[in-house]
Amino acid sequence: MTLLKIETSAIVPLAEYQQQRAERRKRMAELKKNRRLEVGPFAAFYFESYDTMLHQVQEMLFIEKGGAAQIPDELAAYNPLIPQGSELVATVMFEIDEPVRRARVLASLGGVEHKAFMRVGGSMIRGMPEADQERSRDDGKASSVQFIRFPFKPAEIAAFRGWTGEVVVGFDHANYGHMALLPPAVRQALAHDFV
């Protein structure tokens, strides 16, 4: 299979993007609403795709105005988060507005990136954290942003796409043992990530 990645040729020039930005952001918000799942009181899974990552690259170029020199860094950062046909990839954010509470909660979640799972029918798919850097510090504090991939076997993909059984997403961390059922609209959207 050919690696699915954003090429420089897919990047819209800044002036053109600026004119299209409002409409593109509106379309992306519509796309993302069926790619998000809340798990427990603080975690939100944002399931990534080629389109979400291309949008993120365009936004970073728009915000930072680094021009052509910025493009390789953005592609290096976001291409690894594009699912490659037999996996789902999620940016997981622990969303806690109040700073003191956020620090306290994250301090108790060390290693949470190794405790994510998806259950499809009778199969358990363990999440694998992105290996670009450690997401939990030595003192046990977890990052508020985690990048996790879920590698599927062919039978698990068939069950996911064939609506065989429920899909549950969760954590089995000692301090964050929460799960959520994947709603049908989200499941349908994510089914397109498999080829």
Protein backbone atom coordinates (compact mmCIF):
# COMPACT_ATOMS: atom_id res chain seq x y z
CA MET A 1 0.00 0.00 0.00
CA THR A 2 1.23 3.50 -0.80
CA LEU A 3 1.84 5.65 2.24
CA LEU A 4 -0.95 8.19 2.61
CA LYS A 5 0.64 11.56 3.25
CA ILE A 6 0.24 15.23 2.48
CA GLU A 7 2.50 16.38 -0.33
CA THR A 8 3.67 19.96 -0.75
CA SER A 9 1.56 20.15 -3.93
CA ALA A 10 -1.60 19.81 -1.79
CA ILE A 11 -0.86 23.01 0.15
CA VAL A 12 -2.96 25.98 -0.95
CA PRO A 13 -0.93 29.21 -1.23
CA LEU A 14 -1.44 31.56 1.73
CA ALA A 15 -3.27 34.33 -0.19
CA GLU A 16 -5.67 31.81 -1.71
CA TYR A 17 -6.18 30.04 1.62
CA GLN A 18 -6.95 33.34 3.31
CA GLN A 19 -9.80 33.92 0.85
CA GLN A 20 -11.14 30.38 1.36
CA ARG A 21 -10.45 30.10 5.07
CA ALA A 22 -13.94 30.85 6.46
CA GLU A 23 -15.60 28.33 4.15
CA ARG A 24 -12.89 25.71 4.74
CA ARG A 25 -13.17 26.09 8.51
CA LYS A 26 -16.95 25.71 8.28
CA ARG A 27 -16.59 22.49 6.24
CA MET A 28 -13.95 21.18 8.64
CA ALA A 29 -16.18 21.85 11.68
CA GLU A 30 -18.91 19.83 9.97
CA LEU A 31 -16.49 16.98 9.23
CA LYS A 32 -15.00 16.96 12.73
CA LYS A 33 -18.31 16.79 14.58
CA ASN A 34 -18.56 13.11 13.63
CA ARG A 35 -14.91 12.43 14.47
CA ARG A 36 -15.04 13.38 18.18
CA LEU A 37 -15.84 11.27 21.22
CA GLU A 38 -15.86 12.27 24.89
CA VAL A 39 -14.58 9.59 27.24
CA GLY A 40 -15.12 10.30 30.92
CA PRO A 41 -15.22 13.78 32.41
CA PHE A 42 -12.07 15.20 30.79
CA ALA A 43 -10.86 13.23 27.74
CA ALA A 44 -11.93 13.92 24.18
CA PHE A 45 -10.78 11.75 21.29
CA TYR A 46 -10.40 13.62 18.01
CA PHE A 47 -9.99 11.01 15.29
CA GLU A 48 -7.67 12.27 12.60
CA SER A 49 -7.73 11.80 8.83
CA TYR A 50 -5.92 13.09 5.78
CA ASP A 51 -8.41 15.98 5.62
CA THR A 52 -8.07 16.97 9.29
CA MET A 53 -4.28 16.93 9.05
CA LEU A 54 -4.23 18.93 5.80
CA HIS A 55 -6.46 21.48 7.50
CA GLN A 56 -4.12 21.60 10.50
CA VAL A 57 -1.10 22.16 8.25
CA GLN A 58 -2.92 24.96 6.40
CA GLU A 59 -3.93 26.58 9.69
CA MET A 60 -0.39 26.45 11.08
CA LEU A 61 0.96 28.04 7.90
CA PHE A 62 -1.74 30.71 8.08
CA ILE A 63 -1.15 31.48 11.77
CA GLU A 64 2.64 31.37 11.82
CA LYS A 65 3.25 32.86 8.34
CA GLY A 66 6.51 30.90 7.95
CA GLY A 67 6.12 30.51 4.20
CA ALA A 68 7.71 27.72 2.17
CA ALA A 69 10.43 27.21 4.78
CA GLN A 70 7.79 26.18 7.35
CA ILE A 71 6.14 23.52 5.18
CA PRO A 72 8.63 20.64 5.74
CA ASP A 73 8.35 20.98 9.54
CA GLU A 74 4.56 20.98 9.43
CA LEU A 75 4.45 17.94 7.13
CA ALA A 76 6.92 16.11 9.40
CA ALA A 77 4.72 16.89 12.41
CA TYR A 78 1.31 16.05 10.95
CA ASN A 79 1.85 13.35 8.30
CA PRO A 80 2.52 10.67 10.98
CA LEU A 81 -0.99 11.28 12.36
CA ILE A 82 -2.77 10.29 9.13
CA PRO A 83 -4.29 6.79 9.43
CA GLN A 84 -2.76 4.39 6.94
CA GLY A 85 -5.72 2.17 6.06
CA SER A 86 -5.65 -0.44 8.83
CA GLU A 87 -5.70 1.86 11.85
CA LEU A 88 -7.47 4.73 13.53
CA VAL A 89 -5.43 7.63 14.92
CA ALA A 90 -6.65 9.97 17.63
CA THR A 91 -5.46 13.15 19.20
CA VAL A 92 -6.62 12.77 22.78
CA MET A 93 -7.03 15.96 24.77
CA PHE A 94 -7.62 16.18 28.50
CA GLU A 95 -9.76 19.31 28.55
CA ILE A 96 -9.81 20.93 31.99
CA ASP A 97 -10.28 24.70 32.01
CA GLU A 98 -9.30 25.43 35.59
CA PRO A 99 -5.44 25.46 35.86
CA VAL A 100 -5.09 24.15 39.43
CA ARG A 101 -7.52 21.28 38.81
CA ARG A 102 -5.87 20.52 35.45
CA ALA A 103 -2.43 20.25 37.10
CA ARG A 104 -3.81 18.01 39.86
CA VAL A 105 -5.62 15.67 37.45
CA LEU A 106 -2.73 15.41 34.98
CA ALA A 107 -0.34 14.69 37.87
CA SER A 108 -2.37 11.54 38.57
CA LEU A 109 -2.50 10.31 34.95
CA GLY A 110 1.09 9.30 34.21
CA GLY A 111 1.19 6.51 31.62
CA VAL A 112 -2.41 7.08 30.50
CA GLU A 113 -1.18 7.04 26.89
CA HIS A 114 -0.43 3.30 27.35
CA LYS A 115 -3.89 2.55 28.77
CA ALA A 116 -6.19 3.51 25.87
CA PHE A 117 -8.20 0.83 24.10
CA MET A 118 -10.97 0.18 21.61
CA ARG A 119 -13.18 -2.85 21.94
CA VAL A 120 -14.82 -3.99 18.71
CA GLY A 121 -17.21 -6.83 19.34
CA GLY A 122 -15.08 -9.33 21.25
CA SER A 123 -11.70 -7.90 20.19
CA MET A 124 -9.60 -5.56 22.33
CA ILE A 125 -7.36 -3.17 20.38
CA ARG A 126 -4.71 -1.55 22.55
CA GLY A 127 -3.77 2.01 21.74
CA MET A 128 -0.16 2.72 20.86
CA PRO A 129 1.15 6.17 21.76
CA GLU A 130 2.99 8.12 19.08
CA ALA A 131 6.67 7.47 19.68
CA ASP A 132 7.89 10.97 18.76
CA GLN A 133 8.36 11.86 22.42
CA GLU A 134 7.42 10.67 25.89
CA ARG A 135 3.99 12.00 26.89
CA SER A 136 4.30 11.34 30.61
CA ARG A 137 7.06 12.87 32.71
CA ASP A 138 9.23 11.00 35.20
CA ASP A 139 7.25 12.61 38.05
CA GLY A 140 4.08 10.93 36.78
CA LYS A 141 2.44 13.96 35.17
CA ALA A 142 0.74 13.25 31.83
CA SER A 143 0.61 15.68 28.95
CA SER A 144 -2.82 17.17 28.28
CA VAL A 145 -2.41 16.14 24.61
CA GLN A 146 -1.74 12.57 23.56
CA PHE A 147 -1.43 11.03 20.08
CA ILE A 148 -2.62 7.42 19.98
CA ARG A 149 -2.99 4.96 17.12
CA PHE A 150 -5.17 1.87 17.16
CA PRO A 151 -3.87 -0.86 14.81
CA PHE A 152 -6.67 -3.11 13.51
CA LYS A 153 -6.47 -6.67 12.17
CA PRO A 154 -8.54 -7.46 9.04
CA ALA A 155 -11.26 -9.24 11.06
CA GLU A 156 -11.54 -6.24 13.40
CA ILE A 157 -11.89 -3.88 10.45
CA ALA A 158 -14.62 -6.13 9.03
CA ALA A 159 -16.45 -6.12 12.37
CA PHE A 160 -16.11 -2.34 12.68
CA ARG A 161 -17.39 -1.74 9.14
CA GLY A 162 -19.98 -4.51 9.28
CA TRP A 163 -21.64 -3.15 12.42
CA THR A 164 -20.89 -6.39 14.23
CA GLY A 165 -21.23 -5.63 17.93
CA GLU A 166 -20.57 -2.40 19.76
CA VAL A 167 -17.44 -0.27 19.60
CA VAL A 168 -16.27 0.96 23.00
CA VAL A 169 -13.42 3.44 23.46
CA GLY A 170 -11.80 3.90 26.82
CA PHE A 171 -8.96 3.88 29.29
CA ASP A 172 -8.12 1.24 31.87
CA HIS A 173 -5.82 3.53 33.83
CA ALA A 174 -6.04 3.21 37.64
CA ASN A 175 -7.01 6.89 37.95
CA TYR A 176 -9.02 7.23 34.74
CA GLY A 177 -11.10 4.10 34.15
CA HIS A 178 -13.69 5.49 31.76
CA MET A 179 -15.34 4.17 28.60
CA ALA A 180 -17.76 5.46 25.97
CA LEU A 181 -19.80 3.81 23.27
CA LEU A 182 -18.92 5.02 19.77
CA PRO A 183 -22.11 6.58 18.35
CA PRO A 184 -23.32 5.31 14.95
CA ALA A 185 -22.54 8.60 13.14
CA VAL A 186 -18.95 8.59 14.43
CA ARG A 187 -18.53 4.90 13.63
CA GLN A 188 -19.78 5.50 10.10
CA ALA A 189 -17.37 8.42 9.59
CA LEU A 190 -14.40 6.47 10.94
CA ALA A 191 -15.19 3.43 8.81
CA HIS A 192 -13.94 5.46 5.83
CA ASP A 193 -10.44 5.58 7.35
CA PHE A 194 -10.00 1.89 6.53
CA VAL A 195 -9.03 0.82 3.01
